[in-house]
Amino acid sequence: MANTIIYKEDFAVKLQEKLSEPKFFNTLGDVIYTDKKVLNNPYKNDPTVASYTRGAQFSYTDVTLTNETLDIATTAISAEYVDRADLAQNGYDLQIRLAADQGDELMDEIETAWIAAGVAQAGNSSTWTDGSFIAGIADARSEIVTDKGLRALERNGGSIIMSPAKYAGLVTEAQDAGVLTFSDSVLKEGTVAMVGGFKVYESNLTGGATQALAFVNKTITVGILNTTFGMTVIDEHNPDNRSAIGFVTRADYGLKVFANNAGFVVDVTAGA
């Protein structure tokens, strides 16, 4: 009787390939891979600049540090079992498909949570009406550039994530107005739409057709626990008392918009 072959190393390699693919959270966000549970983010007050007369005395500004923490306390897990007969009959291809699917689902889980954290912790909000999305982008930009937002926007660039339906409406409006340009995209081969100085992306993970998010890149932070990110466990000992083999992967993460970045994120209602 032939033994069922479990390609553990190939499963892990395929899974890691999926976990390395570019997504919004790991391309436009601030990603920290760590083995710590709590991340500290101390930031200081801005220095002051004053005019000076040669030979005169000057004053020092006190440095004030404010610390915020990000807790890596959310766990996502993907666990599937395959009957031994099905695995024997489908073999290697089925296992590799399992690894790819689990990797995709874990990445989408973090992506969805990352967008939701940006929406929930945004320091600004804006409502855009259908047919007036360009004016809405200008409004969102105005909210972001207040105080130090312009410096951050110029340094890191800005992005907008919209549902496919509303993205299509924006592209049509920008084309008709003659303000649509394109730029190379790091998320996919090809180009990405640019409107009003923002790169505009579409996603099915915004949380709703009218939910959108405008932000300065690198202002929504995700902490990922190195040890368990894509950790693969293959249980060949009949999990759950079934004549099967179990395939389990997980990821532990935490998400936060730190207070000093909140003003650079806009919760957008588009075409409600």
C-alpha atoms as a PDB file:
ATOM      1  CA  MET A   1       0.000   0.000   0.000  1.00  0.00           C
ATOM      2  CA  ALA A   2       1.452   3.355  -1.018  1.00  0.00           C
ATOM      3  CA  ASN A   3       2.128   5.944   1.670  1.00  0.00           C
ATOM      4  CA  THR A   4       0.636   9.432   1.494  1.00  0.00           C
ATOM      5  CA  ILE A   5       3.478  11.841   0.791  1.00  0.00           C
ATOM      6  CA  ILE A   6       3.464  15.144   2.657  1.00  0.00           C
ATOM      7  CA  TYR A   7       5.663  17.787   1.068  1.00  0.00           C
ATOM      8  CA  LYS A   8       6.210  19.887   4.178  1.00  0.00           C
ATOM      9  CA  GLU A   9       9.084  21.971   2.835  1.00  0.00           C
ATOM     10  CA  ASP A  10       7.347  22.739  -0.460  1.00  0.00           C
ATOM     11  CA  PHE A  11       4.161  23.660   1.419  1.00  0.00           C
ATOM     12  CA  ALA A  12       6.093  26.123   3.594  1.00  0.00           C
ATOM     13  CA  VAL A  13       7.923  27.634   0.609  1.00  0.00           C
ATOM     14  CA  LYS A  14       4.698  28.201  -1.322  1.00  0.00           C
ATOM     15  CA  LEU A  15       3.065  29.738   1.732  1.00  0.00           C
ATOM     16  CA  GLN A  16       5.984  32.124   2.255  1.00  0.00           C
ATOM     17  CA  GLU A  17       5.811  33.169  -1.391  1.00  0.00           C
ATOM     18  CA  LYS A  18       2.233  34.283  -0.817  1.00  0.00           C
ATOM     19  CA  LEU A  19       3.119  36.075   2.417  1.00  0.00           C
ATOM     20  CA  SER A  20       5.818  38.019   0.568  1.00  0.00           C
ATOM     21  CA  GLU A  21       3.526  39.343  -2.151  1.00  0.00           C
ATOM     22  CA  PRO A  22       2.900  43.113  -2.208  1.00  0.00           C
ATOM     23  CA  LYS A  23      -0.293  44.220  -0.499  1.00  0.00           C
ATOM     24  CA  PHE A  24      -1.504  47.622   0.638  1.00  0.00           C
ATOM     25  CA  PHE A  25      -0.545  47.044   4.263  1.00  0.00           C
ATOM     26  CA  ASN A  26       3.053  46.006   3.526  1.00  0.00           C
ATOM     27  CA  THR A  27       3.614  48.521   0.716  1.00  0.00           C
ATOM     28  CA  LEU A  28       1.734  51.645   1.787  1.00  0.00           C
ATOM     29  CA  GLY A  29       1.766  50.995   5.527  1.00  0.00           C
ATOM     30  CA  ASP A  30       4.500  51.062   8.133  1.00  0.00           C
ATOM     31  CA  VAL A  31       5.275  47.390   8.796  1.00  0.00           C
ATOM     32  CA  ILE A  32       7.313  46.291  11.794  1.00  0.00           C
ATOM     33  CA  TYR A  33       8.346  42.645  12.088  1.00  0.00           C
ATOM     34  CA  THR A  34       9.250  41.804  15.658  1.00  0.00           C
ATOM     35  CA  ASP A  35       9.298  39.104  18.314  1.00  0.00           C
ATOM     36  CA  LYS A  36       7.961  41.486  20.972  1.00  0.00           C
ATOM     37  CA  LYS A  37       4.347  41.651  22.108  1.00  0.00           C
ATOM     38  CA  VAL A  38       4.312  45.393  22.779  1.00  0.00           C
ATOM     39  CA  LEU A  39       5.989  47.979  20.553  1.00  0.00           C
ATOM     40  CA  ASN A  40       6.889  51.397  21.945  1.00  0.00           C
ATOM     41  CA  ASN A  41       6.637  54.468  19.746  1.00  0.00           C
ATOM     42  CA  PRO A  42       8.069  57.457  21.622  1.00  0.00           C
ATOM     43  CA  TYR A  43       7.912  60.715  19.717  1.00  0.00           C
ATOM     44  CA  LYS A  44       9.082  64.203  20.668  1.00  0.00           C
ATOM     45  CA  ASN A  45       7.687  67.680  20.407  1.00  0.00           C
ATOM     46  CA  ASP A  46       8.755  69.843  17.472  1.00  0.00           C
ATOM     47  CA  PRO A  47      11.777  72.111  17.963  1.00  0.00           C
ATOM     48  CA  THR A  48      11.347  75.868  17.719  1.00  0.00           C
ATOM     49  CA  VAL A  49      13.351  78.230  15.531  1.00  0.00           C
ATOM     50  CA  ALA A  50      13.923  81.862  16.514  1.00  0.00           C
ATOM     51  CA  SER A  51      15.815  84.790  15.087  1.00  0.00           C
ATOM     52  CA  TYR A  52      19.181  85.426  16.710  1.00  0.00           C
ATOM     53  CA  THR A  53      21.365  88.443  17.281  1.00  0.00           C
ATOM     54  CA  ARG A  54      25.065  87.690  17.279  1.00  0.00           C
ATOM     55  CA  GLY A  55      26.540  87.782  20.735  1.00  0.00           C
ATOM     56  CA  ALA A  56      23.146  87.701  22.436  1.00  0.00           C
ATOM     57  CA  GLN A  57      21.741  85.040  24.722  1.00  0.00           C
ATOM     58  CA  PHE A  58      19.271  82.485  23.432  1.00  0.00           C
ATOM     59  CA  SER A  59      16.708  80.174  25.037  1.00  0.00           C
ATOM     60  CA  TYR A  60      16.467  76.410  24.948  1.00  0.00           C
ATOM     61  CA  THR A  61      13.239  74.542  24.279  1.00  0.00           C
ATOM     62  CA  ASP A  62      12.434  71.643  26.579  1.00  0.00           C
ATOM     63  CA  VAL A  63      12.299  68.291  24.840  1.00  0.00           C
ATOM     64  CA  THR A  64       9.101  66.408  25.685  1.00  0.00           C
ATOM     65  CA  LEU A  65       8.736  62.736  24.842  1.00  0.00           C
ATOM     66  CA  THR A  66       5.340  61.084  24.453  1.00  0.00           C
ATOM     67  CA  ASN A  67       5.137  57.312  24.264  1.00  0.00           C
ATOM     68  CA  GLU A  68       2.436  55.241  22.602  1.00  0.00           C
ATOM     69  CA  THR A  69       2.317  51.481  22.368  1.00  0.00           C
ATOM     70  CA  LEU A  70       1.123  48.982  19.804  1.00  0.00           C
ATOM     71  CA  ASP A  71      -0.020  45.645  21.169  1.00  0.00           C
ATOM     72  CA  ILE A  72       0.441  42.587  18.947  1.00  0.00           C
ATOM     73  CA  ALA A  73      -2.526  40.673  20.283  1.00  0.00           C
ATOM     74  CA  THR A  74      -4.673  39.668  17.299  1.00  0.00           C
ATOM     75  CA  THR A  75      -4.321  36.167  15.880  1.00  0.00           C
ATOM     76  CA  ALA A  76      -5.547  34.912  12.528  1.00  0.00           C
ATOM     77  CA  ILE A  77      -5.458  31.195  11.824  1.00  0.00           C
ATOM     78  CA  SER A  78      -6.254  29.062   8.795  1.00  0.00           C
ATOM     79  CA  ALA A  79      -6.769  25.372   9.559  1.00  0.00           C
ATOM     80  CA  GLU A  80      -7.885  22.749   7.065  1.00  0.00           C
ATOM     81  CA  TYR A  81      -7.873  19.000   7.086  1.00  0.00           C
ATOM     82  CA  VAL A  82      -7.837  16.743   4.050  1.00  0.00           C
ATOM     83  CA  ASP A  83      -9.055  13.169   4.043  1.00  0.00           C
ATOM     84  CA  ARG A  84      -6.176  10.776   3.510  1.00  0.00           C
ATOM     85  CA  ALA A  85      -7.833   9.249   0.455  1.00  0.00           C
ATOM     86  CA  ASP A  86      -8.351  12.654  -1.167  1.00  0.00           C
ATOM     87  CA  LEU A  87      -4.763  13.589  -0.417  1.00  0.00           C
ATOM     88  CA  ALA A  88      -3.456  10.330  -1.836  1.00  0.00           C
ATOM     89  CA  GLN A  89      -5.485  10.751  -5.017  1.00  0.00           C
ATOM     90  CA  ASN A  90      -4.615  14.428  -5.548  1.00  0.00           C
ATOM     91  CA  GLY A  91      -1.136  14.470  -4.018  1.00  0.00           C
ATOM     92  CA  TYR A  92       1.312  17.286  -4.471  1.00  0.00           C
ATOM     93  CA  ASP A  93      -0.915  19.685  -6.413  1.00  0.00           C
ATOM     94  CA  LEU A  94      -3.566  19.736  -3.716  1.00  0.00           C
ATOM     95  CA  GLN A  95      -1.034  20.509  -0.992  1.00  0.00           C
ATOM     96  CA  ILE A  96       0.472  23.371  -2.951  1.00  0.00           C
ATOM     97  CA  ARG A  97      -2.994  24.747  -3.649  1.00  0.00           C
ATOM     98  CA  LEU A  98      -3.745  24.558   0.067  1.00  0.00           C
ATOM     99  CA  ALA A  99      -0.602  26.543   0.876  1.00  0.00           C
ATOM    100  CA  ALA A 100      -1.397  29.215  -1.722  1.00  0.00           C
ATOM    101  CA  ASP A 101      -5.008  29.576  -0.578  1.00  0.00           C
ATOM    102  CA  GLN A 102      -4.090  29.812   3.100  1.00  0.00           C
ATOM    103  CA  GLY A 103      -1.447  32.411   2.327  1.00  0.00           C
ATOM    104  CA  ASP A 104      -3.915  34.486   0.301  1.00  0.00           C
ATOM    105  CA  GLU A 105      -6.546  34.352   3.024  1.00  0.00           C
ATOM    106  CA  LEU A 106      -4.138  35.314   5.813  1.00  0.00           C
ATOM    107  CA  MET A 107      -2.852  38.273   3.813  1.00  0.00           C
ATOM    108  CA  ASP A 108      -6.400  39.411   3.033  1.00  0.00           C
ATOM    109  CA  GLU A 109      -7.296  39.096   6.714  1.00  0.00           C
ATOM    110  CA  ILE A 110      -4.479  41.475   7.693  1.00  0.00           C
ATOM    111  CA  GLU A 111      -5.258  43.760   4.756  1.00  0.00           C
ATOM    112  CA  THR A 112      -8.919  44.062   5.751  1.00  0.00           C
ATOM    113  CA  ALA A 113      -7.989  44.793   9.367  1.00  0.00           C
ATOM    114  CA  TRP A 114      -5.354  47.322   8.260  1.00  0.00           C
ATOM    115  CA  ILE A 115      -7.851  49.314   6.192  1.00  0.00           C
ATOM    116  CA  ALA A 116     -10.441  49.101   8.976  1.00  0.00           C
ATOM    117  CA  ALA A 117      -7.896  50.415  11.510  1.00  0.00           C
ATOM    118  CA  GLY A 118      -7.173  53.379   9.248  1.00  0.00           C
ATOM    119  CA  VAL A 119     -10.888  54.138   8.995  1.00  0.00           C
ATOM    120  CA  ALA A 120     -11.565  53.730  12.724  1.00  0.00           C
ATOM    121  CA  GLN A 121      -8.534  55.728  13.893  1.00  0.00           C
ATOM    122  CA  ALA A 122      -8.498  58.447  11.217  1.00  0.00           C
ATOM    123  CA  GLY A 123      -8.087  61.963  12.536  1.00  0.00           C
ATOM    124  CA  ASN A 124     -10.217  63.486   9.765  1.00  0.00           C
ATOM    125  CA  SER A 125     -13.318  62.594   7.766  1.00  0.00           C
ATOM    126  CA  SER A 126     -14.697  63.672   4.400  1.00  0.00           C
ATOM    127  CA  THR A 127     -17.851  62.981   2.402  1.00  0.00           C
ATOM    128  CA  TRP A 128     -17.663  62.867  -1.390  1.00  0.00           C
ATOM    129  CA  THR A 129     -20.737  62.975  -3.610  1.00  0.00           C
ATOM    130  CA  ASP A 130     -20.971  61.038  -6.865  1.00  0.00           C
ATOM    131  CA  GLY A 131     -19.695  63.173  -9.720  1.00  0.00           C
ATOM    132  CA  SER A 132     -17.684  65.393  -7.354  1.00  0.00           C
ATOM    133  CA  PHE A 133     -14.913  63.023  -6.319  1.00  0.00           C
ATOM    134  CA  ILE A 134     -12.174  65.359  -7.595  1.00  0.00           C
ATOM    135  CA  ALA A 135     -13.455  68.115  -5.298  1.00  0.00           C
ATOM    136  CA  GLY A 136     -13.590  65.528  -2.518  1.00  0.00           C
ATOM    137  CA  ILE A 137      -9.925  64.644  -3.016  1.00  0.00           C
ATOM    138  CA  ALA A 138      -9.048  68.324  -2.796  1.00  0.00           C
ATOM    139  CA  ASP A 139     -11.003  68.515   0.462  1.00  0.00           C
ATOM    140  CA  ALA A 140      -9.202  65.476   1.887  1.00  0.00           C
ATOM    141  CA  ARG A 141      -5.833  66.905   0.878  1.00  0.00           C
ATOM    142  CA  SER A 142      -6.705  70.181   2.596  1.00  0.00           C
ATOM    143  CA  GLU A 143      -7.425  68.321   5.827  1.00  0.00           C
ATOM    144  CA  ILE A 144      -4.146  66.402   5.621  1.00  0.00           C
ATOM    145  CA  VAL A 145      -1.816  69.304   4.852  1.00  0.00           C
ATOM    146  CA  THR A 146      -2.818  71.291   7.927  1.00  0.00           C
ATOM    147  CA  ASP A 147       0.154  71.820  10.252  1.00  0.00           C
ATOM    148  CA  LYS A 148       2.898  69.265   9.407  1.00  0.00           C
ATOM    149  CA  GLY A 149       0.809  67.251   6.953  1.00  0.00           C
ATOM    150  CA  LEU A 150       2.233  68.905   3.848  1.00  0.00           C
ATOM    151  CA  ARG A 151       5.764  67.935   4.827  1.00  0.00           C
ATOM    152  CA  ALA A 152       4.710  64.324   5.434  1.00  0.00           C
ATOM    153  CA  LEU A 153       2.714  64.198   2.184  1.00  0.00           C
ATOM    154  CA  GLU A 154       5.625  65.512   0.129  1.00  0.00           C
ATOM    155  CA  ARG A 155       8.057  63.124   1.810  1.00  0.00           C
ATOM    156  CA  ASN A 156       6.029  59.892   1.664  1.00  0.00           C
ATOM    157  CA  GLY A 157       3.320  60.510  -0.926  1.00  0.00           C
ATOM    158  CA  GLY A 158      -0.393  59.961  -0.556  1.00  0.00           C
ATOM    159  CA  SER A 159      -2.774  57.146  -1.478  1.00  0.00           C
ATOM    160  CA  ILE A 160      -6.498  56.542  -1.744  1.00  0.00           C
ATOM    161  CA  ILE A 161      -8.179  53.137  -1.528  1.00  0.00           C
ATOM    162  CA  MET A 162     -11.721  52.818  -2.906  1.00  0.00           C
ATOM    163  CA  SER A 163     -14.203  50.098  -3.747  1.00  0.00           C
ATOM    164  CA  PRO A 164     -14.138  49.037  -7.430  1.00  0.00           C
ATOM    165  CA  ALA A 165     -17.484  50.708  -8.180  1.00  0.00           C
ATOM    166  CA  LYS A 166     -16.460  54.085  -6.765  1.00  0.00           C
ATOM    167  CA  TYR A 167     -12.966  53.784  -8.244  1.00  0.00           C
ATOM    168  CA  ALA A 168     -14.540  53.427 -11.690  1.00  0.00           C
ATOM    169  CA  GLY A 169     -16.623  56.555 -11.076  1.00  0.00           C
ATOM    170  CA  LEU A 170     -13.555  58.546 -10.054  1.00  0.00           C
ATOM    171  CA  VAL A 171     -11.548  57.409 -13.084  1.00  0.00           C
ATOM    172  CA  THR A 172     -14.388  58.364 -15.433  1.00  0.00           C
ATOM    173  CA  GLU A 173     -14.770  61.767 -13.786  1.00  0.00           C
ATOM    174  CA  ALA A 174     -11.015  62.427 -13.901  1.00  0.00           C
ATOM    175  CA  GLN A 175     -10.812  61.353 -17.557  1.00  0.00           C
ATOM    176  CA  ASP A 176     -13.656  63.686 -18.500  1.00  0.00           C
ATOM    177  CA  ALA A 177     -11.989  66.532 -16.601  1.00  0.00           C
ATOM    178  CA  GLY A 178      -8.595  65.813 -18.172  1.00  0.00           C
ATOM    179  CA  VAL A 179      -6.850  65.469 -14.805  1.00  0.00           C
ATOM    180  CA  LEU A 180      -6.164  61.723 -14.834  1.00  0.00           C
ATOM    181  CA  THR A 181      -2.508  60.717 -15.019  1.00  0.00           C
ATOM    182  CA  PHE A 182      -0.735  57.433 -14.427  1.00  0.00           C
ATOM    183  CA  SER A 183       2.279  56.374 -12.418  1.00  0.00           C
ATOM    184  CA  ASP A 184       4.206  53.141 -11.987  1.00  0.00           C
ATOM    185  CA  SER A 185       2.718  50.953  -9.276  1.00  0.00           C
ATOM    186  CA  VAL A 186       4.700  48.909  -6.786  1.00  0.00           C
ATOM    187  CA  LEU A 187       1.645  46.766  -6.072  1.00  0.00           C
ATOM    188  CA  LYS A 188       1.199  45.326  -9.528  1.00  0.00           C
ATOM    189  CA  GLU A 189       2.817  45.280 -12.917  1.00  0.00           C
ATOM    190  CA  GLY A 190       1.669  48.308 -14.867  1.00  0.00           C
ATOM    191  CA  THR A 191       0.433  51.700 -13.755  1.00  0.00           C
ATOM    192  CA  VAL A 192      -1.843  53.215 -11.152  1.00  0.00           C
ATOM    193  CA  ALA A 193      -4.234  56.141 -11.531  1.00  0.00           C
ATOM    194  CA  MET A 194      -3.186  59.482 -10.057  1.00  0.00           C
ATOM    195  CA  VAL A 195      -5.681  62.217  -9.242  1.00  0.00           C
ATOM    196  CA  GLY A 196      -5.004  65.367  -7.268  1.00  0.00           C
ATOM    197  CA  GLY A 197      -1.537  64.198  -6.272  1.00  0.00           C
ATOM    198  CA  PHE A 198      -2.799  60.890  -4.810  1.00  0.00           C
ATOM    199  CA  LYS A 199      -2.265  57.405  -6.182  1.00  0.00           C
ATOM    200  CA  VAL A 200      -5.686  55.789  -6.306  1.00  0.00           C
ATOM    201  CA  TYR A 201      -6.191  52.050  -5.821  1.00  0.00           C
ATOM    202  CA  GLU A 202      -9.273  49.831  -5.821  1.00  0.00           C
ATOM    203  CA  SER A 203      -9.973  47.066  -3.335  1.00  0.00           C
ATOM    204  CA  ASN A 204     -12.782  44.717  -2.395  1.00  0.00           C
ATOM    205  CA  LEU A 205     -11.657  44.915   1.241  1.00  0.00           C
ATOM    206  CA  THR A 206     -12.666  48.492   2.113  1.00  0.00           C
ATOM    207  CA  GLY A 207     -15.610  47.318   4.205  1.00  0.00           C
ATOM    208  CA  GLY A 208     -18.346  48.675   1.937  1.00  0.00           C
ATOM    209  CA  ALA A 209     -19.020  50.182  -1.489  1.00  0.00           C
ATOM    210  CA  THR A 210     -19.037  53.732  -0.140  1.00  0.00           C
ATOM    211  CA  GLN A 211     -16.107  53.318   2.252  1.00  0.00           C
ATOM    212  CA  ALA A 212     -12.812  54.815   1.112  1.00  0.00           C
ATOM    213  CA  LEU A 213      -9.599  55.885   2.791  1.00  0.00           C
ATOM    214  CA  ALA A 214      -7.190  58.714   1.963  1.00  0.00           C
ATOM    215  CA  PHE A 215      -3.871  58.856   3.773  1.00  0.00           C
ATOM    216  CA  VAL A 216      -0.216  59.729   3.779  1.00  0.00           C
ATOM    217  CA  ASN A 217       1.825  56.611   3.135  1.00  0.00           C
ATOM    218  CA  LYS A 218       3.529  54.964   6.134  1.00  0.00           C
ATOM    219  CA  THR A 219       1.079  56.422   8.663  1.00  0.00           C
ATOM    220  CA  ILE A 220      -0.945  53.274   9.431  1.00  0.00           C
ATOM    221  CA  THR A 221       1.290  50.907  11.376  1.00  0.00           C
ATOM    222  CA  VAL A 222       1.074  47.124  11.523  1.00  0.00           C
ATOM    223  CA  GLY A 223       3.205  45.061  13.863  1.00  0.00           C
ATOM    224  CA  ILE A 224       3.676  41.423  12.871  1.00  0.00           C
ATOM    225  CA  LEU A 225       5.021  38.720  15.147  1.00  0.00           C
ATOM    226  CA  ASN A 226       7.964  37.160  13.310  1.00  0.00           C
ATOM    227  CA  THR A 227       7.791  33.829  15.069  1.00  0.00           C
ATOM    228  CA  THR A 228       4.266  32.898  13.995  1.00  0.00           C
ATOM    229  CA  PHE A 229       3.913  34.768  10.696  1.00  0.00           C
ATOM    230  CA  GLY A 230       3.205  31.974   8.259  1.00  0.00           C
ATOM    231  CA  MET A 231       4.158  29.320  10.775  1.00  0.00           C
ATOM    232  CA  THR A 232       3.248  25.970   9.248  1.00  0.00           C
ATOM    233  CA  VAL A 233       2.078  22.931  11.211  1.00  0.00           C
ATOM    234  CA  ILE A 234       1.179  19.741   9.375  1.00  0.00           C
ATOM    235  CA  ASP A 235      -0.526  17.212  11.634  1.00  0.00           C
ATOM    236  CA  GLU A 236      -0.371  13.684  10.264  1.00  0.00           C
ATOM    237  CA  HIS A 237      -1.962  12.097  13.342  1.00  0.00           C
ATOM    238  CA  ASN A 238      -5.651  12.152  12.459  1.00  0.00           C
ATOM    239  CA  PRO A 239      -6.662  15.607  13.789  1.00  0.00           C
ATOM    240  CA  ASP A 240     -10.115  15.846  15.349  1.00  0.00           C
ATOM    241  CA  ASN A 241     -10.278  12.027  15.305  1.00  0.00           C
ATOM    242  CA  ARG A 242     -10.589  11.986  11.533  1.00  0.00           C
ATOM    243  CA  SER A 243      -8.695   9.853   9.049  1.00  0.00           C
ATOM    244  CA  ALA A 244      -7.112  12.990   7.691  1.00  0.00           C
ATOM    245  CA  ILE A 245      -4.093  15.252   7.718  1.00  0.00           C
ATOM    246  CA  GLY A 246      -4.288  18.791   9.098  1.00  0.00           C
ATOM    247  CA  PHE A 247      -2.691  21.883   7.585  1.00  0.00           C
ATOM    248  CA  VAL A 248      -2.500  24.893   9.929  1.00  0.00           C
ATOM    249  CA  THR A 249      -0.983  28.357   9.434  1.00  0.00           C
ATOM    250  CA  ARG A 250      -1.294  31.503  11.529  1.00  0.00           C
ATOM    251  CA  ALA A 251      -0.323  35.122  11.885  1.00  0.00           C
ATOM    252  CA  ASP A 252      -0.251  37.393  14.948  1.00  0.00           C
ATOM    253  CA  TYR A 253      -0.473  41.127  14.416  1.00  0.00           C
ATOM    254  CA  GLY A 254      -1.452  44.492  15.839  1.00  0.00           C
ATOM    255  CA  LEU A 255      -2.584  47.705  14.141  1.00  0.00           C
ATOM    256  CA  LYS A 256      -2.516  51.356  15.086  1.00  0.00           C
ATOM    257  CA  VAL A 257      -2.573  54.902  13.776  1.00  0.00           C
ATOM    258  CA  PHE A 258      -0.353  56.679  16.268  1.00  0.00           C
ATOM    259  CA  ALA A 259      -1.644  60.012  17.557  1.00  0.00           C
ATOM    260  CA  ASN A 260       1.032  62.012  15.756  1.00  0.00           C
ATOM    261  CA  ASN A 261      -0.127  60.458  12.447  1.00  0.00           C
ATOM    262  CA  ALA A 262      -3.897  60.556  12.948  1.00  0.00           C
ATOM    263  CA  GLY A 263      -4.283  63.893  11.146  1.00  0.00           C
ATOM    264  CA  PHE A 264      -2.723  62.373   8.047  1.00  0.00           C
ATOM    265  CA  VAL A 265      -5.514  59.808   7.626  1.00  0.00           C
ATOM    266  CA  VAL A 266      -8.997  60.647   6.292  1.00  0.00           C
ATOM    267  CA  ASP A 267     -12.050  58.419   6.670  1.00  0.00           C
ATOM    268  CA  VAL A 268     -13.917  58.949   3.390  1.00  0.00           C
ATOM    269  CA  THR A 269     -17.562  58.286   2.592  1.00  0.00           C
ATOM    270  CA  ALA A 270     -17.685  58.185  -1.205  1.00  0.00           C
ATOM    271  CA  GLY A 271     -20.992  58.539  -3.030  1.00  0.00           C
ATOM    272  CA  ALA A 272     -23.278  57.666  -0.140  1.00  0.00           C
END
